[in-house]
Amino acid sequence: MYIAKIVIRILMPFLILFLSFSTMMGYIAETIYPAYHLKWFAIVYMIAAYILQFFRPAVGLAMLVSGGVVWFLI
């Protein structure tokens, strides 16, 4: 379990950067702006969850997962 926490703490910034980059590329390529505004909200939600996981690990991890699911569903 300890190794999983370390892996999550190391890999999540890279996943958030990847999602931000792909959202930015889609924002430039598409003309459906409201959907991409919601994707940016999901990314900000995931950043807040990443910070929160250092203080409340279970809540932060649940928020990270839900933010990723919301990003992919939009």
PDB file of N, CA and C in Angstrom:
ATOM      1  N   MET A   1       0.822  -1.189   0.000  1.00  0.00           N
ATOM      2  CA  MET A   1       0.000   0.000   0.000  1.00  0.00           C
ATOM      3  C   MET A   1       0.871   1.260   0.000  1.00  0.00           C
ATOM      4  N   TYR A   2       1.986   1.194   0.721  1.00  0.00           N
ATOM      5  CA  TYR A   2       2.882   2.341   0.784  1.00  0.00           C
ATOM      6  C   TYR A   2       3.482   2.646  -0.588  1.00  0.00           C
ATOM      7  N   ILE A   3       3.814   1.597  -1.337  1.00  0.00           N
ATOM      8  CA  ILE A   3       4.380   1.784  -2.678  1.00  0.00           C
ATOM      9  C   ILE A   3       3.343   2.386  -3.613  1.00  0.00           C
ATOM     10  N   ALA A   4       2.089   1.970  -3.469  1.00  0.00           N
ATOM     11  CA  ALA A   4       1.022   2.525  -4.305  1.00  0.00           C
ATOM     12  C   ALA A   4       0.864   4.025  -4.064  1.00  0.00           C
ATOM     13  N   LYS A   5       0.962   4.465  -2.825  1.00  0.00           N
ATOM     14  CA  LYS A   5       0.861   5.896  -2.527  1.00  0.00           C
ATOM     15  C   LYS A   5       2.002   6.669  -3.172  1.00  0.00           C
ATOM     16  N   ILE A   6       3.192   6.099  -3.122  1.00  0.00           N
ATOM     17  CA  ILE A   6       4.347   6.767  -3.730  1.00  0.00           C
ATOM     18  C   ILE A   6       4.170   6.863  -5.242  1.00  0.00           C
ATOM     19  N   VAL A   7       3.718   5.787  -5.856  1.00  0.00           N
ATOM     20  CA  VAL A   7       3.510   5.779  -7.310  1.00  0.00           C
ATOM     21  C   VAL A   7       2.444   6.793  -7.702  1.00  0.00           C
ATOM     22  N   ILE A   8       1.354   6.848  -6.943  1.00  0.00           N
ATOM     23  CA  ILE A   8       0.289   7.808  -7.244  1.00  0.00           C
ATOM     24  C   ILE A   8       0.807   9.232  -7.111  1.00  0.00           C
ATOM     25  N   ARG A   9       1.572   9.497  -6.079  1.00  0.00           N
ATOM     26  CA  ARG A   9       2.082  10.855  -5.871  1.00  0.00           C
ATOM     27  C   ARG A   9       3.086  11.267  -6.937  1.00  0.00           C
ATOM     28  N   ILE A  10       3.769  10.310  -7.523  1.00  0.00           N
ATOM     29  CA  ILE A  10       4.735  10.634  -8.574  1.00  0.00           C
ATOM     30  C   ILE A  10       4.060  10.735  -9.938  1.00  0.00           C
ATOM     31  N   LEU A  11       3.137   9.840 -10.247  1.00  0.00           N
ATOM     32  CA  LEU A  11       2.552   9.786 -11.583  1.00  0.00           C
ATOM     33  C   LEU A  11       1.401  10.765 -11.808  1.00  0.00           C
ATOM     34  N   MET A  12       0.706  11.170 -10.765  1.00  0.00           N
ATOM     35  CA  MET A  12      -0.455  12.034 -10.956  1.00  0.00           C
ATOM     36  C   MET A  12      -0.118  13.387 -11.579  1.00  0.00           C
ATOM     37  N   PRO A  13       0.975  14.049 -11.218  1.00  0.00           N
ATOM     38  CA  PRO A  13       1.280  15.306 -11.917  1.00  0.00           C
ATOM     39  C   PRO A  13       1.486  15.109 -13.421  1.00  0.00           C
ATOM     40  N   PHE A  14       2.085  13.994 -13.810  1.00  0.00           N
ATOM     41  CA  PHE A  14       2.273  13.728 -15.235  1.00  0.00           C
ATOM     42  C   PHE A  14       0.946  13.466 -15.934  1.00  0.00           C
ATOM     43  N   LEU A  15       0.038  12.757 -15.266  1.00  0.00           N
ATOM     44  CA  LEU A  15      -1.287  12.520 -15.841  1.00  0.00           C
ATOM     45  C   LEU A  15      -2.057  13.828 -15.966  1.00  0.00           C
ATOM     46  N   ILE A  16      -1.976  14.671 -14.954  1.00  0.00           N
ATOM     47  CA  ILE A  16      -2.668  15.961 -15.014  1.00  0.00           C
ATOM     48  C   ILE A  16      -2.083  16.830 -16.123  1.00  0.00           C
ATOM     49  N   LEU A  17      -0.766  16.827 -16.280  1.00  0.00           N
ATOM     50  CA  LEU A  17      -0.150  17.580 -17.380  1.00  0.00           C
ATOM     51  C   LEU A  17      -0.564  17.030 -18.738  1.00  0.00           C
ATOM     52  N   PHE A  18      -0.640  15.708 -18.867  1.00  0.00           N
ATOM     53  CA  PHE A  18      -1.075  15.103 -20.121  1.00  0.00           C
ATOM     54  C   PHE A  18      -2.514  15.488 -20.440  1.00  0.00           C
ATOM     55  N   LEU A  19      -3.400  15.419 -19.446  1.00  0.00           N
ATOM     56  CA  LEU A  19      -4.794  15.796 -19.672  1.00  0.00           C
ATOM     57  C   LEU A  19      -4.914  17.276 -20.003  1.00  0.00           C
ATOM     58  N   SER A  20      -4.104  18.116 -19.373  1.00  0.00           N
ATOM     59  CA  SER A  20      -4.119  19.548 -19.678  1.00  0.00           C
ATOM     60  C   SER A  20      -3.661  19.807 -21.110  1.00  0.00           C
ATOM     61  N   PHE A  21      -2.597  19.126 -21.518  1.00  0.00           N
ATOM     62  CA  PHE A  21      -2.097  19.302 -22.878  1.00  0.00           C
ATOM     63  C   PHE A  21      -3.120  18.825 -23.905  1.00  0.00           C
ATOM     64  N   SER A  22      -3.728  17.675 -23.672  1.00  0.00           N
ATOM     65  CA  SER A  22      -4.705  17.170 -24.638  1.00  0.00           C
ATOM     66  C   SER A  22      -5.958  18.040 -24.655  1.00  0.00           C
ATOM     67  N   THR A  23      -6.339  18.607 -23.520  1.00  0.00           N
ATOM     68  CA  THR A  23      -7.478  19.525 -23.498  1.00  0.00           C
ATOM     69  C   THR A  23      -7.146  20.795 -24.264  1.00  0.00           C
ATOM     70  N   MET A  24      -5.928  21.300 -24.095  1.00  0.00           N
ATOM     71  CA  MET A  24      -5.524  22.500 -24.810  1.00  0.00           C
ATOM     72  C   MET A  24      -5.498  22.247 -26.320  1.00  0.00           C
ATOM     73  N   MET A  25      -5.000  21.092 -26.738  1.00  0.00           N
ATOM     74  CA  MET A  25      -4.962  20.781 -28.169  1.00  0.00           C
ATOM     75  C   MET A  25      -6.368  20.639 -28.733  1.00  0.00           C
ATOM     76  N   GLY A  26      -7.252  19.997 -27.988  1.00  0.00           N
ATOM     77  CA  GLY A  26      -8.639  19.884 -28.428  1.00  0.00           C
ATOM     78  C   GLY A  26      -9.339  21.226 -28.444  1.00  0.00           C
ATOM     79  N   TYR A  27      -9.007  22.085 -27.497  1.00  0.00           N
ATOM     80  CA  TYR A  27      -9.593  23.424 -27.429  1.00  0.00           C
ATOM     81  C   TYR A  27      -9.201  24.231 -28.657  1.00  0.00           C
ATOM     82  N   ILE A  28      -7.975  24.056 -29.116  1.00  0.00           N
ATOM     83  CA  ILE A  28      -7.511  24.764 -30.310  1.00  0.00           C
ATOM     84  C   ILE A  28      -8.146  24.177 -31.566  1.00  0.00           C
ATOM     85  N   ALA A  29      -8.276  22.856 -31.620  1.00  0.00           N
ATOM     86  CA  ALA A  29      -8.733  22.193 -32.836  1.00  0.00           C
ATOM     87  C   ALA A  29     -10.250  22.226 -33.019  1.00  0.00           C
ATOM     88  N   GLU A  30     -11.006  22.260 -31.945  1.00  0.00           N
ATOM     89  CA  GLU A  30     -12.461  22.169 -32.029  1.00  0.00           C
ATOM     90  C   GLU A  30     -13.098  23.540 -31.843  1.00  0.00           C
ATOM     91  N   THR A  31     -14.374  23.604 -32.153  1.00  0.00           N
ATOM     92  CA  THR A  31     -15.122  24.836 -31.927  1.00  0.00           C
ATOM     93  C   THR A  31     -16.211  24.651 -30.876  1.00  0.00           C
ATOM     94  N   ILE A  32     -16.186  23.546 -30.150  1.00  0.00           N
ATOM     95  CA  ILE A  32     -17.178  23.272 -29.110  1.00  0.00           C
ATOM     96  C   ILE A  32     -16.568  23.713 -27.780  1.00  0.00           C
ATOM     97  N   TYR A  33     -16.613  24.996 -27.505  1.00  0.00           N
ATOM     98  CA  TYR A  33     -15.921  25.529 -26.336  1.00  0.00           C
ATOM     99  C   TYR A  33     -16.538  25.153 -24.989  1.00  0.00           C
ATOM    100  N   PRO A  34     -17.867  25.127 -24.825  1.00  0.00           N
ATOM    101  CA  PRO A  34     -18.404  24.824 -23.479  1.00  0.00           C
ATOM    102  C   PRO A  34     -17.964  23.469 -22.932  1.00  0.00           C
ATOM    103  N   ALA A  35     -17.830  22.471 -23.787  1.00  0.00           N
ATOM    104  CA  ALA A  35     -17.384  21.162 -23.315  1.00  0.00           C
ATOM    105  C   ALA A  35     -15.951  21.238 -22.799  1.00  0.00           C
ATOM    106  N   TYR A  36     -15.128  22.035 -23.436  1.00  0.00           N
ATOM    107  CA  TYR A  36     -13.746  22.144 -22.981  1.00  0.00           C
ATOM    108  C   TYR A  36     -13.625  22.984 -21.715  1.00  0.00           C
ATOM    109  N   HIS A  37     -14.559  23.903 -21.492  1.00  0.00           N
ATOM    110  CA  HIS A  37     -14.566  24.622 -20.213  1.00  0.00           C
ATOM    111  C   HIS A  37     -14.832  23.650 -19.076  1.00  0.00           C
ATOM    112  N   LEU A  38     -15.716  22.690 -19.298  1.00  0.00           N
ATOM    113  CA  LEU A  38     -15.988  21.682 -18.273  1.00  0.00           C
ATOM    114  C   LEU A  38     -14.776  20.775 -18.066  1.00  0.00           C
ATOM    115  N   LYS A  39     -14.043  20.491 -19.135  1.00  0.00           N
ATOM    116  CA  LYS A  39     -12.827  19.683 -18.982  1.00  0.00           C
ATOM    117  C   LYS A  39     -11.785  20.433 -18.159  1.00  0.00           C
ATOM    118  N   TRP A  40     -11.666  21.739 -18.371  1.00  0.00           N
ATOM    119  CA  TRP A  40     -10.730  22.515 -17.556  1.00  0.00           C
ATOM    120  C   TRP A  40     -11.152  22.497 -16.092  1.00  0.00           C
ATOM    121  N   PHE A  41     -12.473  22.551 -15.842  1.00  0.00           N
ATOM    122  CA  PHE A  41     -12.956  22.468 -14.467  1.00  0.00           C
ATOM    123  C   PHE A  41     -12.577  21.125 -13.849  1.00  0.00           C
ATOM    124  N   ALA A  42     -12.687  20.044 -14.622  1.00  0.00           N
ATOM    125  CA  ALA A  42     -12.313  18.720 -14.114  1.00  0.00           C
ATOM    126  C   ALA A  42     -10.814  18.661 -13.805  1.00  0.00           C
ATOM    127  N   ILE A  43      -9.990  19.312 -14.613  1.00  0.00           N
ATOM    128  CA  ILE A  43      -8.544  19.324 -14.362  1.00  0.00           C
ATOM    129  C   ILE A  43      -8.225  20.119 -13.096  1.00  0.00           C
ATOM    130  N   VAL A  44      -8.882  21.260 -12.911  1.00  0.00           N
ATOM    131  CA  VAL A  44      -8.675  22.039 -11.684  1.00  0.00           C
ATOM    132  C   VAL A  44      -9.131  21.239 -10.472  1.00  0.00           C
ATOM    133  N   TYR A  45     -10.230  20.507 -10.625  1.00  0.00           N
ATOM    134  CA  TYR A  45     -10.730  19.629  -9.555  1.00  0.00           C
ATOM    135  C   TYR A  45      -9.696  18.554  -9.219  1.00  0.00           C
ATOM    136  N   MET A  46      -9.047  17.992 -10.237  1.00  0.00           N
ATOM    137  CA  MET A  46      -8.026  16.971 -10.007  1.00  0.00           C
ATOM    138  C   MET A  46      -6.782  17.568  -9.341  1.00  0.00           C
ATOM    139  N   ILE A  47      -6.429  18.793  -9.681  1.00  0.00           N
ATOM    140  CA  ILE A  47      -5.288  19.440  -9.026  1.00  0.00           C
ATOM    141  C   ILE A  47      -5.593  19.672  -7.548  1.00  0.00           C
ATOM    142  N   ALA A  48      -6.816  20.123  -7.257  1.00  0.00           N
ATOM    143  CA  ALA A  48      -7.212  20.305  -5.856  1.00  0.00           C
ATOM    144  C   ALA A  48      -7.214  18.971  -5.121  1.00  0.00           C
ATOM    145  N   ALA A  49      -7.655  17.918  -5.794  1.00  0.00           N
ATOM    146  CA  ALA A  49      -7.662  16.587  -5.175  1.00  0.00           C
ATOM    147  C   ALA A  49      -6.244  16.092  -4.940  1.00  0.00           C
ATOM    148  N   TYR A  50      -5.341  16.388  -5.863  1.00  0.00           N
ATOM    149  CA  TYR A  50      -3.944  15.985  -5.689  1.00  0.00           C
ATOM    150  C   TYR A  50      -3.336  16.653  -4.460  1.00  0.00           C
ATOM    151  N   ILE A  51      -3.636  17.919  -4.264  1.00  0.00           N
ATOM    152  CA  ILE A  51      -3.137  18.620  -3.080  1.00  0.00           C
ATOM    153  C   ILE A  51      -3.792  18.061  -1.824  1.00  0.00           C
ATOM    154  N   LEU A  52      -5.087  17.776  -1.902  1.00  0.00           N
ATOM    155  CA  LEU A  52      -5.821  17.271  -0.741  1.00  0.00           C
ATOM    156  C   LEU A  52      -5.355  15.883  -0.314  1.00  0.00           C
ATOM    157  N   GLN A  53      -4.859  15.091  -1.247  1.00  0.00           N
ATOM    158  CA  GLN A  53      -4.472  13.721  -0.895  1.00  0.00           C
ATOM    159  C   GLN A  53      -3.290  13.668   0.064  1.00  0.00           C
ATOM    160  N   PHE A  54      -2.529  14.739   0.174  1.00  0.00           N
ATOM    161  CA  PHE A  54      -1.437  14.763   1.141  1.00  0.00           C
ATOM    162  C   PHE A  54      -1.952  14.913   2.571  1.00  0.00           C
ATOM    163  N   PHE A  55      -3.150  15.478   2.719  1.00  0.00           N
ATOM    164  CA  PHE A  55      -3.717  15.698   4.046  1.00  0.00           C
ATOM    165  C   PHE A  55      -4.788  14.673   4.397  1.00  0.00           C
ATOM    166  N   ARG A  56      -5.622  14.327   3.436  1.00  0.00           N
ATOM    167  CA  ARG A  56      -6.671  13.321   3.616  1.00  0.00           C
ATOM    168  C   ARG A  56      -6.575  12.347   2.443  1.00  0.00           C
ATOM    169  N   PRO A  57      -5.782  11.289   2.581  1.00  0.00           N
ATOM    170  CA  PRO A  57      -5.488  10.401   1.449  1.00  0.00           C
ATOM    171  C   PRO A  57      -6.715   9.752   0.814  1.00  0.00           C
ATOM    172  N   ALA A  58      -7.653   9.270   1.604  1.00  0.00           N
ATOM    173  CA  ALA A  58      -8.810   8.574   1.033  1.00  0.00           C
ATOM    174  C   ALA A  58      -9.696   9.532   0.242  1.00  0.00           C
ATOM    175  N   VAL A  59      -9.949  10.704   0.797  1.00  0.00           N
ATOM    176  CA  VAL A  59     -10.795  11.691   0.121  1.00  0.00           C
ATOM    177  C   VAL A  59     -10.102  12.200  -1.141  1.00  0.00           C
ATOM    178  N   GLY A  60      -8.817  12.488  -1.043  1.00  0.00           N
ATOM    179  CA  GLY A  60      -8.075  12.972  -2.205  1.00  0.00           C
ATOM    180  C   GLY A  60      -8.023  11.963  -3.331  1.00  0.00           C
ATOM    181  N   LEU A  61      -7.815  10.697  -2.988  1.00  0.00           N
ATOM    182  CA  LEU A  61      -7.772   9.663  -4.022  1.00  0.00           C
ATOM    183  C   LEU A  61      -9.133   9.472  -4.672  1.00  0.00           C
ATOM    184  N   ALA A  62     -10.198   9.516  -3.878  1.00  0.00           N
ATOM    185  CA  ALA A  62     -11.550   9.400  -4.438  1.00  0.00           C
ATOM    186  C   ALA A  62     -11.850  10.569  -5.370  1.00  0.00           C
ATOM    187  N   MET A  63     -11.408  11.764  -4.992  1.00  0.00           N
ATOM    188  CA  MET A  63     -11.611  12.927  -5.851  1.00  0.00           C
ATOM    189  C   MET A  63     -10.782  12.829  -7.127  1.00  0.00           C
ATOM    190  N   LEU A  64      -9.563  12.300  -7.034  1.00  0.00           N
ATOM    191  CA  LEU A  64      -8.735  12.121  -8.230  1.00  0.00           C
ATOM    192  C   LEU A  64      -9.397  11.174  -9.216  1.00  0.00           C
ATOM    193  N   VAL A  65      -9.901  10.075  -8.706  1.00  0.00           N
ATOM    194  CA  VAL A  65     -10.554   9.093  -9.579  1.00  0.00           C
ATOM    195  C   VAL A  65     -11.813   9.696 -10.194  1.00  0.00           C
ATOM    196  N   SER A  66     -12.626  10.367  -9.384  1.00  0.00           N
ATOM    197  CA  SER A  66     -13.859  10.948  -9.926  1.00  0.00           C
ATOM    198  C   SER A  66     -13.553  12.063 -10.924  1.00  0.00           C
ATOM    199  N   GLY A  67     -12.509  12.851 -10.680  1.00  0.00           N
ATOM    200  CA  GLY A  67     -12.124  13.887 -11.636  1.00  0.00           C
ATOM    201  C   GLY A  67     -11.658  13.306 -12.960  1.00  0.00           C
ATOM    202  N   GLY A  68     -10.899  12.215 -12.899  1.00  0.00           N
ATOM    203  CA  GLY A  68     -10.476  11.549 -14.135  1.00  0.00           C
ATOM    204  C   GLY A  68     -11.646  10.965 -14.903  1.00  0.00           C
ATOM    205  N   VAL A  69     -12.586  10.373 -14.192  1.00  0.00           N
ATOM    206  CA  VAL A  69     -13.773   9.808 -14.848  1.00  0.00           C
ATOM    207  C   VAL A  69     -14.594  10.916 -15.495  1.00  0.00           C
ATOM    208  N   VAL A  70     -14.774  12.020 -14.782  1.00  0.00           N
ATOM    209  CA  VAL A  70     -15.529  13.147 -15.341  1.00  0.00           C
ATOM    210  C   VAL A  70     -14.826  13.688 -16.576  1.00  0.00           C
ATOM    211  N   TRP A  71     -13.506  13.818 -16.536  1.00  0.00           N
ATOM    212  CA  TRP A  71     -12.772  14.330 -17.693  1.00  0.00           C
ATOM    213  C   TRP A  71     -12.986  13.432 -18.908  1.00  0.00           C
ATOM    214  N   PHE A  72     -12.895  12.118 -18.709  1.00  0.00           N
ATOM    215  CA  PHE A  72     -13.048  11.205 -19.839  1.00  0.00           C
ATOM    216  C   PHE A  72     -14.488  11.116 -20.331  1.00  0.00           C
ATOM    217  N   LEU A  73     -15.468  11.334 -19.462  1.00  0.00           N
ATOM    218  CA  LEU A  73     -16.867  11.274 -19.891  1.00  0.00           C
ATOM    219  C   LEU A  73     -17.298  12.527 -20.645  1.00  0.00           C
ATOM    220  N   ILE A  74     -16.641  13.648 -20.379  1.00  0.00           N
ATOM    221  CA  ILE A  74     -16.975  14.880 -21.110  1.00  0.00           C
ATOM    222  C   ILE A  74     -16.344  14.761 -22.449  1.00  0.00           C
TER     223      ILE A  74
END
